[in-house]
Amino acid sequence: MRILKIFLAIAVGIQMFLGCQLFESNKVSPQEIKSASAWSEKDQEPSFTDCDGFDQAIDKKNCFESMISNSIMDYISENPWESSQYIDEEIVLNLHIDKEGYFSLLDIVRSKAIADAIPNMDESLEIAVSQIPQAQPAIKTNVGVFVATTLKLPIMISAQ
């Protein structure tokens, strides 16, 4: 019986010594995390199902951008802006596409002059962006998950 206890104690000691590697943690450097999460050519940009018929990536991207632009322009055409001043200026919409493919307006880069000339522009653009159809979200292919993305949409505003 004593020999059995000694044998068990030695076996448990050896198992604990060999099993210590299971409790070690691997540290990943911030550079490795940044590198692994950086956008690559293999990752899939957001898209619309209407754009799936295109074979070339540039054609899909152009289709995607056109659908966004057309959706916003359709809203503005139905709800025209009025200005008492001459305007010929570019604004930039910073858009967010969440992990489910829904669009939201992060902010608008514009001059104070255009903001004063078209006082309801921000609210109007907020509504226009919310009416963009749901997209297929971007996919980070190395981990196979949907990810949120942002994009900049320049818009030329001209009024006389």
C-alpha atoms as a PDB file:
ATOM      1  CA  MET A   1       0.000   0.000   0.000  1.00  0.00           C
ATOM      2  CA  ARG A   2       2.856   2.365   0.854  1.00  0.00           C
ATOM      3  CA  ILE A   3       4.465   1.670  -2.526  1.00  0.00           C
ATOM      4  CA  LEU A   4       1.183   2.494  -4.260  1.00  0.00           C
ATOM      5  CA  LYS A   5       0.996   5.874  -2.463  1.00  0.00           C
ATOM      6  CA  ILE A   6       4.590   6.701  -3.413  1.00  0.00           C
ATOM      7  CA  PHE A   7       3.924   5.684  -7.000  1.00  0.00           C
ATOM      8  CA  LEU A   8       0.777   7.849  -7.136  1.00  0.00           C
ATOM      9  CA  ALA A   9       2.629  10.819  -5.622  1.00  0.00           C
ATOM     10  CA  ILE A  10       5.409  10.501  -8.223  1.00  0.00           C
ATOM     11  CA  ALA A  11       2.870  10.097 -11.069  1.00  0.00           C
ATOM     12  CA  VAL A  12       0.887  13.151  -9.940  1.00  0.00           C
ATOM     13  CA  GLY A  13       4.129  15.160  -9.582  1.00  0.00           C
ATOM     14  CA  ILE A  14       5.253  14.232 -13.094  1.00  0.00           C
ATOM     15  CA  GLN A  15       1.800  15.040 -14.501  1.00  0.00           C
ATOM     16  CA  MET A  16       1.797  18.452 -12.808  1.00  0.00           C
ATOM     17  CA  PHE A  17       5.296  19.203 -14.081  1.00  0.00           C
ATOM     18  CA  LEU A  18       4.416  18.232 -17.661  1.00  0.00           C
ATOM     19  CA  GLY A  19       0.977  19.901 -17.512  1.00  0.00           C
ATOM     20  CA  CYS A  20       2.320  23.333 -16.539  1.00  0.00           C
ATOM     21  CA  GLN A  21       2.587  24.307 -20.191  1.00  0.00           C
ATOM     22  CA  LEU A  22      -1.214  24.180 -20.407  1.00  0.00           C
ATOM     23  CA  PHE A  23      -1.436  27.120 -18.038  1.00  0.00           C
ATOM     24  CA  GLU A  24       1.041  29.321 -19.872  1.00  0.00           C
ATOM     25  CA  SER A  25      -0.443  32.180 -21.851  1.00  0.00           C
ATOM     26  CA  ASN A  26       0.859  33.368 -25.143  1.00  0.00           C
ATOM     27  CA  LYS A  27       1.260  37.098 -25.381  1.00  0.00           C
ATOM     28  CA  VAL A  28       0.451  38.749 -28.668  1.00  0.00           C
ATOM     29  CA  SER A  29       2.126  42.051 -29.369  1.00  0.00           C
ATOM     30  CA  PRO A  30       0.071  45.105 -30.362  1.00  0.00           C
ATOM     31  CA  GLN A  31       1.885  45.097 -33.713  1.00  0.00           C
ATOM     32  CA  GLU A  32       0.712  41.539 -34.425  1.00  0.00           C
ATOM     33  CA  ILE A  33      -2.871  42.447 -33.523  1.00  0.00           C
ATOM     34  CA  LYS A  34      -2.741  45.538 -35.727  1.00  0.00           C
ATOM     35  CA  SER A  35      -1.258  43.549 -38.598  1.00  0.00           C
ATOM     36  CA  ALA A  36      -3.874  40.782 -38.335  1.00  0.00           C
ATOM     37  CA  SER A  37      -6.768  43.235 -38.187  1.00  0.00           C
ATOM     38  CA  ALA A  38      -5.584  45.526 -40.996  1.00  0.00           C
ATOM     39  CA  TRP A  39      -7.713  45.496 -44.141  1.00  0.00           C
ATOM     40  CA  SER A  40      -6.333  43.190 -46.824  1.00  0.00           C
ATOM     41  CA  GLU A  41      -7.142  42.483 -50.452  1.00  0.00           C
ATOM     42  CA  LYS A  42      -8.779  39.200 -49.442  1.00  0.00           C
ATOM     43  CA  ASP A  43     -11.326  40.940 -47.203  1.00  0.00           C
ATOM     44  CA  GLN A  44     -14.736  41.672 -48.690  1.00  0.00           C
ATOM     45  CA  GLU A  45     -15.957  45.233 -48.851  1.00  0.00           C
ATOM     46  CA  PRO A  46     -19.604  45.991 -48.158  1.00  0.00           C
ATOM     47  CA  SER A  47     -21.884  45.509 -51.134  1.00  0.00           C
ATOM     48  CA  PHE A  48     -25.467  45.404 -52.317  1.00  0.00           C
ATOM     49  CA  THR A  49     -27.025  42.253 -53.737  1.00  0.00           C
ATOM     50  CA  ASP A  50     -27.795  44.251 -56.916  1.00  0.00           C
ATOM     51  CA  CYS A  51     -24.025  44.578 -57.445  1.00  0.00           C
ATOM     52  CA  ASP A  52     -23.258  40.842 -57.135  1.00  0.00           C
ATOM     53  CA  GLY A  53     -23.564  40.322 -60.900  1.00  0.00           C
ATOM     54  CA  PHE A  54     -20.321  42.189 -61.594  1.00  0.00           C
ATOM     55  CA  ASP A  55     -17.153  40.124 -61.926  1.00  0.00           C
ATOM     56  CA  GLN A  56     -14.554  42.873 -61.527  1.00  0.00           C
ATOM     57  CA  ALA A  57     -13.962  44.353 -58.058  1.00  0.00           C
ATOM     58  CA  ILE A  58     -13.862  47.883 -59.486  1.00  0.00           C
ATOM     59  CA  ASP A  59     -17.272  47.372 -61.118  1.00  0.00           C
ATOM     60  CA  LYS A  60     -18.742  46.125 -57.825  1.00  0.00           C
ATOM     61  CA  LYS A  61     -17.275  49.125 -56.009  1.00  0.00           C
ATOM     62  CA  ASN A  62     -18.643  51.559 -58.613  1.00  0.00           C
ATOM     63  CA  CYS A  63     -22.071  49.917 -58.375  1.00  0.00           C
ATOM     64  CA  PHE A  64     -21.995  50.166 -54.569  1.00  0.00           C
ATOM     65  CA  GLU A  65     -21.009  53.835 -54.633  1.00  0.00           C
ATOM     66  CA  SER A  66     -23.604  54.624 -57.305  1.00  0.00           C
ATOM     67  CA  MET A  67     -26.393  53.031 -55.292  1.00  0.00           C
ATOM     68  CA  ILE A  68     -25.468  55.106 -52.241  1.00  0.00           C
ATOM     69  CA  SER A  69     -25.178  58.321 -54.248  1.00  0.00           C
ATOM     70  CA  ASN A  70     -28.411  57.673 -56.157  1.00  0.00           C
ATOM     71  CA  SER A  71     -30.311  56.959 -52.952  1.00  0.00           C
ATOM     72  CA  ILE A  72     -29.172  60.248 -51.394  1.00  0.00           C
ATOM     73  CA  MET A  73     -29.756  62.229 -54.579  1.00  0.00           C
ATOM     74  CA  ASP A  74     -33.260  60.749 -54.959  1.00  0.00           C
ATOM     75  CA  TYR A  75     -34.125  61.942 -51.468  1.00  0.00           C
ATOM     76  CA  ILE A  76     -32.723  65.419 -52.112  1.00  0.00           C
ATOM     77  CA  SER A  77     -34.619  65.624 -55.430  1.00  0.00           C
ATOM     78  CA  GLU A  78     -37.868  64.789 -53.653  1.00  0.00           C
ATOM     79  CA  ASN A  79     -37.065  67.226 -50.814  1.00  0.00           C
ATOM     80  CA  PRO A  80     -35.155  70.067 -52.511  1.00  0.00           C
ATOM     81  CA  TRP A  81     -33.022  72.504 -50.577  1.00  0.00           C
ATOM     82  CA  GLU A  82     -33.402  76.232 -50.921  1.00  0.00           C
ATOM     83  CA  SER A  83     -30.678  78.782 -50.607  1.00  0.00           C
ATOM     84  CA  SER A  84     -30.652  82.542 -50.831  1.00  0.00           C
ATOM     85  CA  GLN A  85     -26.957  82.519 -51.709  1.00  0.00           C
ATOM     86  CA  TYR A  86     -24.842  81.321 -54.605  1.00  0.00           C
ATOM     87  CA  ILE A  87     -23.179  78.025 -53.680  1.00  0.00           C
ATOM     88  CA  ASP A  88     -20.579  76.013 -55.538  1.00  0.00           C
ATOM     89  CA  GLU A  89     -18.878  73.895 -52.933  1.00  0.00           C
ATOM     90  CA  GLU A  90     -18.101  70.306 -52.021  1.00  0.00           C
ATOM     91  CA  ILE A  91     -19.193  68.686 -48.793  1.00  0.00           C
ATOM     92  CA  VAL A  92     -18.056  65.292 -47.517  1.00  0.00           C
ATOM     93  CA  LEU A  93     -20.345  62.845 -45.754  1.00  0.00           C
ATOM     94  CA  ASN A  94     -18.640  60.446 -43.366  1.00  0.00           C
ATOM     95  CA  LEU A  95     -20.816  57.351 -43.398  1.00  0.00           C
ATOM     96  CA  HIS A  96     -20.818  54.352 -41.086  1.00  0.00           C
ATOM     97  CA  ILE A  97     -21.967  50.898 -42.179  1.00  0.00           C
ATOM     98  CA  ASP A  98     -22.555  48.687 -39.158  1.00  0.00           C
ATOM     99  CA  LYS A  99     -22.056  44.914 -38.872  1.00  0.00           C
ATOM    100  CA  GLU A 100     -25.601  44.356 -40.104  1.00  0.00           C
ATOM    101  CA  GLY A 101     -25.250  46.589 -43.176  1.00  0.00           C
ATOM    102  CA  TYR A 102     -27.224  49.611 -41.960  1.00  0.00           C
ATOM    103  CA  PHE A 103     -26.003  53.112 -42.815  1.00  0.00           C
ATOM    104  CA  SER A 104     -25.708  56.087 -40.499  1.00  0.00           C
ATOM    105  CA  LEU A 105     -24.236  59.556 -40.863  1.00  0.00           C
ATOM    106  CA  LEU A 106     -21.213  60.140 -38.633  1.00  0.00           C
ATOM    107  CA  ASP A 107     -20.633  63.750 -39.607  1.00  0.00           C
ATOM    108  CA  ILE A 108     -20.566  66.262 -42.435  1.00  0.00           C
ATOM    109  CA  VAL A 109     -17.427  68.138 -43.421  1.00  0.00           C
ATOM    110  CA  ARG A 110     -18.548  71.502 -44.783  1.00  0.00           C
ATOM    111  CA  SER A 111     -17.909  75.199 -44.518  1.00  0.00           C
ATOM    112  CA  LYS A 112     -19.852  77.516 -42.253  1.00  0.00           C
ATOM    113  CA  ALA A 113     -21.024  79.392 -45.343  1.00  0.00           C
ATOM    114  CA  ILE A 114     -22.846  76.369 -46.765  1.00  0.00           C
ATOM    115  CA  ALA A 115     -24.260  75.515 -43.338  1.00  0.00           C
ATOM    116  CA  ASP A 116     -25.673  79.049 -43.097  1.00  0.00           C
ATOM    117  CA  ALA A 117     -26.963  79.011 -46.687  1.00  0.00           C
ATOM    118  CA  ILE A 118     -28.859  75.704 -46.265  1.00  0.00           C
ATOM    119  CA  PRO A 119     -29.985  75.569 -42.638  1.00  0.00           C
ATOM    120  CA  ASN A 120     -31.881  72.249 -42.878  1.00  0.00           C
ATOM    121  CA  MET A 121     -29.100  70.422 -44.746  1.00  0.00           C
ATOM    122  CA  ASP A 122     -27.871  68.338 -41.780  1.00  0.00           C
ATOM    123  CA  GLU A 123     -31.314  66.988 -40.898  1.00  0.00           C
ATOM    124  CA  SER A 124     -32.108  66.338 -44.543  1.00  0.00           C
ATOM    125  CA  LEU A 125     -28.875  64.402 -45.085  1.00  0.00           C
ATOM    126  CA  GLU A 126     -29.428  62.441 -41.884  1.00  0.00           C
ATOM    127  CA  ILE A 127     -32.812  61.267 -43.222  1.00  0.00           C
ATOM    128  CA  ALA A 128     -31.379  60.609 -46.703  1.00  0.00           C
ATOM    129  CA  VAL A 129     -28.614  58.410 -45.301  1.00  0.00           C
ATOM    130  CA  SER A 130     -31.038  56.495 -43.084  1.00  0.00           C
ATOM    131  CA  GLN A 131     -33.031  55.608 -46.220  1.00  0.00           C
ATOM    132  CA  ILE A 132     -30.102  53.979 -48.037  1.00  0.00           C
ATOM    133  CA  PRO A 133     -31.036  50.288 -48.485  1.00  0.00           C
ATOM    134  CA  GLN A 134     -29.438  47.759 -46.164  1.00  0.00           C
ATOM    135  CA  ALA A 135     -26.146  46.486 -47.569  1.00  0.00           C
ATOM    136  CA  GLN A 136     -24.236  43.273 -47.161  1.00  0.00           C
ATOM    137  CA  PRO A 137     -21.687  44.243 -44.487  1.00  0.00           C
ATOM    138  CA  ALA A 138     -17.936  44.020 -44.924  1.00  0.00           C
ATOM    139  CA  ILE A 139     -16.344  40.690 -44.015  1.00  0.00           C
ATOM    140  CA  LYS A 140     -12.939  40.253 -42.393  1.00  0.00           C
ATOM    141  CA  THR A 141     -12.098  37.002 -44.138  1.00  0.00           C
ATOM    142  CA  ASN A 142      -9.172  35.891 -41.974  1.00  0.00           C
ATOM    143  CA  VAL A 143     -11.582  35.494 -39.041  1.00  0.00           C
ATOM    144  CA  GLY A 144     -14.848  35.168 -40.993  1.00  0.00           C
ATOM    145  CA  VAL A 145     -16.822  37.881 -39.220  1.00  0.00           C
ATOM    146  CA  PHE A 146     -18.863  40.874 -40.319  1.00  0.00           C
ATOM    147  CA  VAL A 147     -17.214  44.182 -39.483  1.00  0.00           C
ATOM    148  CA  ALA A 148     -18.325  47.780 -39.385  1.00  0.00           C
ATOM    149  CA  THR A 149     -16.778  50.137 -41.928  1.00  0.00           C
ATOM    150  CA  THR A 150     -16.723  53.820 -42.715  1.00  0.00           C
ATOM    151  CA  LEU A 151     -16.535  55.652 -45.983  1.00  0.00           C
ATOM    152  CA  LYS A 152     -16.304  59.209 -47.218  1.00  0.00           C
ATOM    153  CA  LEU A 153     -18.795  60.398 -49.816  1.00  0.00           C
ATOM    154  CA  PRO A 154     -18.016  63.737 -51.480  1.00  0.00           C
ATOM    155  CA  ILE A 155     -21.024  65.676 -52.774  1.00  0.00           C
ATOM    156  CA  MET A 156     -20.851  68.777 -54.935  1.00  0.00           C
ATOM    157  CA  ILE A 157     -23.454  71.394 -53.994  1.00  0.00           C
ATOM    158  CA  SER A 158     -24.299  74.001 -56.608  1.00  0.00           C
ATOM    159  CA  ALA A 159     -27.065  76.579 -56.268  1.00  0.00           C
ATOM    160  CA  GLN A 160     -27.723  79.860 -57.996  1.00  0.00           C
END
